Amino acid sequence: MVIPGDPRRRRAAAEGVPVRMWRTWWALFLGFSKVGLLGFGGGPGSLALIQAVTVGERHWMDNTRFAELLAVANALPGPIATKMAGVIGYQTGGLPGLLAAVSGVVLPSLLLLLSFYGLLLAYHRNPYVQGLIRGVRPVVVALLVLLVWDLLPPAFPRERLGATLGFFVLGLAALKGLRLPPALVMVAAMAAGAWLLR
């Protein structure tokens, strides 16, 4: 039994938080290492894996929060997987969490690239390697479809369905029809959303 003023209680209070945080940082590193190792297809494939790890496996957030962080990350320059690792890591574990998550998403793939770069150059035209790439592409698309399916409810809330559908149609027209730069469309959407969807 631990009573108030007991040295064991003070020691538990002093040690409990750091141990818990170390576990969180380690979990961030491991979770995003999985993303770094298995994120075929670049950013889109990585996004689906990040959502699976953070929402499905670790329960660090729900799909609504994930969609909010995805919007924030898309407003920043740089690769989407690294940005998502940074914002999720920071929210979950502060600055050390950010460093752990970004290290996890970058280091494994970087080490593999440095280790196997010569082999990739030598065998990138090999039929088996080409078959491997062709085989993984449909799975990446399937992951993206599942990601979109999970993010639809938070992206189109019932109370503002008309306005958000309008943003969707205008965004699609700007990106596909007018071929405007995605960064410009994102900034315009954020500015309009701050005024119209507050």
Protein backbone atom coordinates (compact mmCIF):
# COMPACT_ATOMS: atom_id res chain seq x y z
CA MET A 1 0.00 0.00 0.00
CA VAL A 2 1.30 3.49 -0.92
CA ILE A 3 0.23 6.27 1.47
CA PRO A 4 0.45 10.08 0.99
CA GLY A 5 3.96 11.33 1.69
CA ASP A 6 5.41 7.85 1.20
CA PRO A 7 8.75 8.01 -0.71
CA ARG A 8 7.47 5.19 -2.92
CA ARG A 9 4.60 7.43 -4.07
CA ARG A 10 6.96 10.29 -4.90
CA ARG A 11 9.25 7.89 -6.73
CA ALA A 12 6.29 6.43 -8.66
CA ALA A 13 5.11 9.92 -9.60
CA ALA A 14 8.62 10.90 -10.69
CA GLU A 15 9.21 7.75 -12.70
CA GLY A 16 5.70 6.97 -14.00
CA VAL A 17 5.29 9.84 -16.44
CA PRO A 18 8.72 9.49 -18.10
CA VAL A 19 8.29 5.73 -18.46
CA ARG A 20 4.85 6.23 -20.00
CA MET A 21 6.20 8.89 -22.33
CA TRP A 22 9.15 6.70 -23.35
CA ARG A 23 6.67 3.99 -24.26
CA THR A 24 4.65 6.49 -26.29
CA TRP A 25 7.75 7.73 -28.13
CA TRP A 26 8.88 4.17 -28.82
CA ALA A 27 5.39 3.28 -30.08
CA LEU A 28 5.47 6.33 -32.38
CA PHE A 29 8.85 5.28 -33.75
CA LEU A 30 7.73 1.68 -34.33
CA GLY A 31 4.36 2.66 -35.80
CA PHE A 32 5.87 5.10 -38.28
CA SER A 33 8.72 2.68 -39.06
CA LYS A 34 6.02 0.37 -40.37
CA VAL A 35 4.77 3.22 -42.55
CA GLY A 36 8.30 3.94 -43.77
CA LEU A 37 8.93 0.29 -44.65
CA LEU A 38 5.56 -0.58 -46.20
CA GLY A 39 4.47 2.74 -47.69
CA PHE A 40 4.65 1.71 -51.35
CA GLY A 41 3.34 4.14 -53.92
CA GLY A 42 4.60 7.30 -52.24
CA GLY A 43 2.40 9.64 -50.22
CA PRO A 44 -1.03 8.16 -51.04
CA GLY A 45 -0.07 4.65 -49.97
CA SER A 46 1.62 6.02 -46.86
CA LEU A 47 -1.49 7.97 -45.87
CA ALA A 48 -3.60 4.84 -45.78
CA LEU A 49 -1.01 3.09 -43.62
CA ILE A 50 -0.70 6.08 -41.29
CA GLN A 51 -4.46 6.07 -40.82
CA ALA A 52 -4.42 2.31 -40.15
CA VAL A 53 -1.66 2.66 -37.53
CA THR A 54 -2.83 5.81 -35.75
CA VAL A 55 -6.60 5.25 -35.83
CA GLY A 56 -7.01 1.50 -36.22
CA GLU A 57 -4.10 -0.04 -34.29
CA ARG A 58 -2.93 2.49 -31.71
CA HIS A 59 -6.18 4.47 -31.23
CA TRP A 60 -4.25 7.72 -30.82
CA MET A 61 -7.16 9.55 -32.49
CA ASP A 62 -10.40 9.03 -34.39
CA ASN A 63 -11.08 9.60 -38.09
CA THR A 64 -12.36 13.13 -37.47
CA ARG A 65 -9.11 14.19 -35.80
CA PHE A 66 -7.10 12.38 -38.48
CA ALA A 67 -8.95 14.34 -41.18
CA GLU A 68 -8.23 17.60 -39.32
CA LEU A 69 -4.52 16.82 -39.05
CA LEU A 70 -4.44 15.77 -42.71
CA ALA A 71 -5.86 19.17 -43.65
CA VAL A 72 -3.20 20.90 -41.53
CA ALA A 73 -0.42 18.78 -43.03
CA ASN A 74 -1.62 19.44 -46.58
CA ALA A 75 -1.34 23.16 -45.93
CA LEU A 76 2.40 22.79 -45.22
CA PRO A 77 5.15 22.25 -47.80
CA GLY A 78 6.97 18.93 -48.05
CA PRO A 79 6.22 15.19 -48.37
CA ILE A 80 2.86 14.24 -46.86
CA ALA A 81 4.10 11.18 -44.94
CA THR A 82 6.77 13.21 -43.14
CA LYS A 83 4.33 16.03 -42.38
CA MET A 84 1.72 13.62 -40.99
CA ALA A 85 4.38 11.91 -38.88
CA GLY A 86 5.38 15.31 -37.52
CA VAL A 87 1.92 16.58 -36.63
CA ILE A 88 0.73 13.25 -35.19
CA GLY A 89 3.98 12.74 -33.30
CA TYR A 90 3.78 16.24 -31.83
CA GLN A 91 0.15 15.86 -30.79
CA THR A 92 0.77 12.44 -29.23
CA GLY A 93 4.17 12.94 -27.61
CA GLY A 94 5.25 16.57 -27.87
CA LEU A 95 8.55 17.50 -29.51
CA PRO A 96 10.22 14.14 -28.68
CA GLY A 97 7.17 12.44 -30.20
CA LEU A 98 7.57 14.50 -33.36
CA LEU A 99 11.24 13.49 -33.60
CA ALA A 100 10.42 9.83 -32.93
CA ALA A 101 7.65 9.68 -35.55
CA VAL A 102 9.63 11.51 -38.25
CA SER A 103 12.69 9.34 -37.54
CA GLY A 104 10.51 6.26 -37.80
CA VAL A 105 9.05 7.20 -41.16
CA VAL A 106 12.40 8.30 -42.67
CA LEU A 107 15.17 6.09 -41.25
CA PRO A 108 14.04 2.56 -42.25
CA SER A 109 13.37 3.45 -45.88
CA LEU A 110 16.57 5.51 -46.05
CA LEU A 111 18.64 2.61 -44.69
CA LEU A 112 16.99 0.19 -47.12
CA LEU A 113 17.57 2.58 -50.00
CA LEU A 114 21.25 2.95 -49.12
CA SER A 115 21.59 -0.82 -48.74
CA PHE A 116 19.77 -1.91 -51.90
CA TYR A 117 20.19 1.04 -54.26
CA GLY A 118 22.74 -0.83 -56.38
CA LEU A 119 20.46 -3.86 -56.66
CA LEU A 120 17.51 -1.69 -57.63
CA LEU A 121 19.53 -0.04 -60.38
CA ALA A 122 20.78 -3.38 -61.66
CA TYR A 123 17.44 -5.22 -61.62
CA HIS A 124 14.76 -2.54 -62.06
CA ARG A 125 13.94 -3.95 -65.53
CA ASN A 126 13.77 -7.54 -64.29
CA PRO A 127 10.32 -9.05 -65.04
CA TYR A 128 9.93 -10.27 -61.45
CA VAL A 129 10.69 -6.82 -60.05
CA GLN A 130 8.28 -5.26 -62.54
CA GLY A 131 5.66 -7.84 -61.56
CA LEU A 132 6.16 -6.99 -57.90
CA ILE A 133 5.54 -3.32 -58.65
CA ARG A 134 2.47 -4.08 -60.78
CA GLY A 135 1.11 -6.32 -58.04
CA VAL A 136 1.39 -3.73 -55.31
CA ARG A 137 -0.23 -0.87 -57.27
CA PRO A 138 -3.83 -2.19 -57.06
CA VAL A 139 -3.39 -2.79 -53.33
CA VAL A 140 -2.25 0.83 -52.90
CA VAL A 141 -5.41 1.94 -54.73
CA ALA A 142 -7.50 -0.31 -52.44
CA LEU A 143 -5.87 1.29 -49.39
CA LEU A 144 -6.69 4.73 -50.78
CA VAL A 145 -10.32 3.78 -51.37
CA LEU A 146 -10.60 2.59 -47.76
CA LEU A 147 -8.94 5.80 -46.53
CA VAL A 148 -11.38 7.96 -48.51
CA TRP A 149 -14.29 5.88 -47.22
CA ASP A 150 -13.19 6.41 -43.60
CA LEU A 151 -12.63 10.16 -44.09
CA LEU A 152 -15.94 10.89 -45.84
CA PRO A 153 -18.07 11.35 -42.67
CA PRO A 154 -15.74 13.89 -40.99
CA ALA A 155 -15.14 15.70 -44.29
CA PHE A 156 -18.87 16.06 -45.05
CA PRO A 157 -20.69 16.68 -41.74
CA ARG A 158 -24.48 16.64 -42.03
CA GLU A 159 -24.97 20.07 -40.51
CA ARG A 160 -22.83 21.70 -43.23
CA LEU A 161 -23.29 19.23 -46.05
CA GLY A 162 -24.26 21.79 -48.68
CA ALA A 163 -21.29 24.06 -47.98
CA THR A 164 -18.74 21.24 -47.84
CA LEU A 165 -20.10 19.71 -51.06
CA GLY A 166 -19.70 23.14 -52.65
CA PHE A 167 -16.08 23.26 -51.49
CA PHE A 168 -15.55 19.76 -52.90
CA VAL A 169 -17.00 20.63 -56.33
CA LEU A 170 -15.10 23.92 -56.55
CA GLY A 171 -11.87 22.24 -55.44
CA LEU A 172 -12.29 19.48 -58.01
CA ALA A 173 -13.01 22.02 -60.74
CA ALA A 174 -9.99 24.12 -59.76
CA LEU A 175 -7.64 21.13 -59.64
CA LYS A 176 -8.87 19.09 -62.58
CA GLY A 177 -10.61 21.63 -64.80
CA LEU A 178 -8.47 24.74 -64.35
CA ARG A 179 -5.35 22.77 -63.36
CA LEU A 180 -4.47 25.25 -60.65
CA PRO A 181 -1.56 24.40 -58.32
CA PRO A 182 -2.77 22.27 -55.38
CA ALA A 183 -1.05 24.58 -52.88
CA LEU A 184 -2.99 27.57 -54.23
CA VAL A 185 -6.29 25.67 -54.05
CA MET A 186 -5.54 24.56 -50.47
CA VAL A 187 -4.74 28.11 -49.34
CA ALA A 188 -7.89 29.46 -51.02
CA ALA A 189 -10.00 26.72 -49.39
CA MET A 190 -8.54 27.47 -45.97
CA ALA A 191 -9.19 31.18 -46.33
CA ALA A 192 -12.76 30.60 -47.54
CA GLY A 193 -13.36 27.98 -44.86
CA ALA A 194 -12.15 30.30 -42.11
CA TRP A 195 -14.77 32.81 -43.25
CA LEU A 196 -17.68 30.60 -44.33
CA LEU A 197 -17.40 27.43 -42.21
CA ARG A 198 -16.45 28.87 -38.81
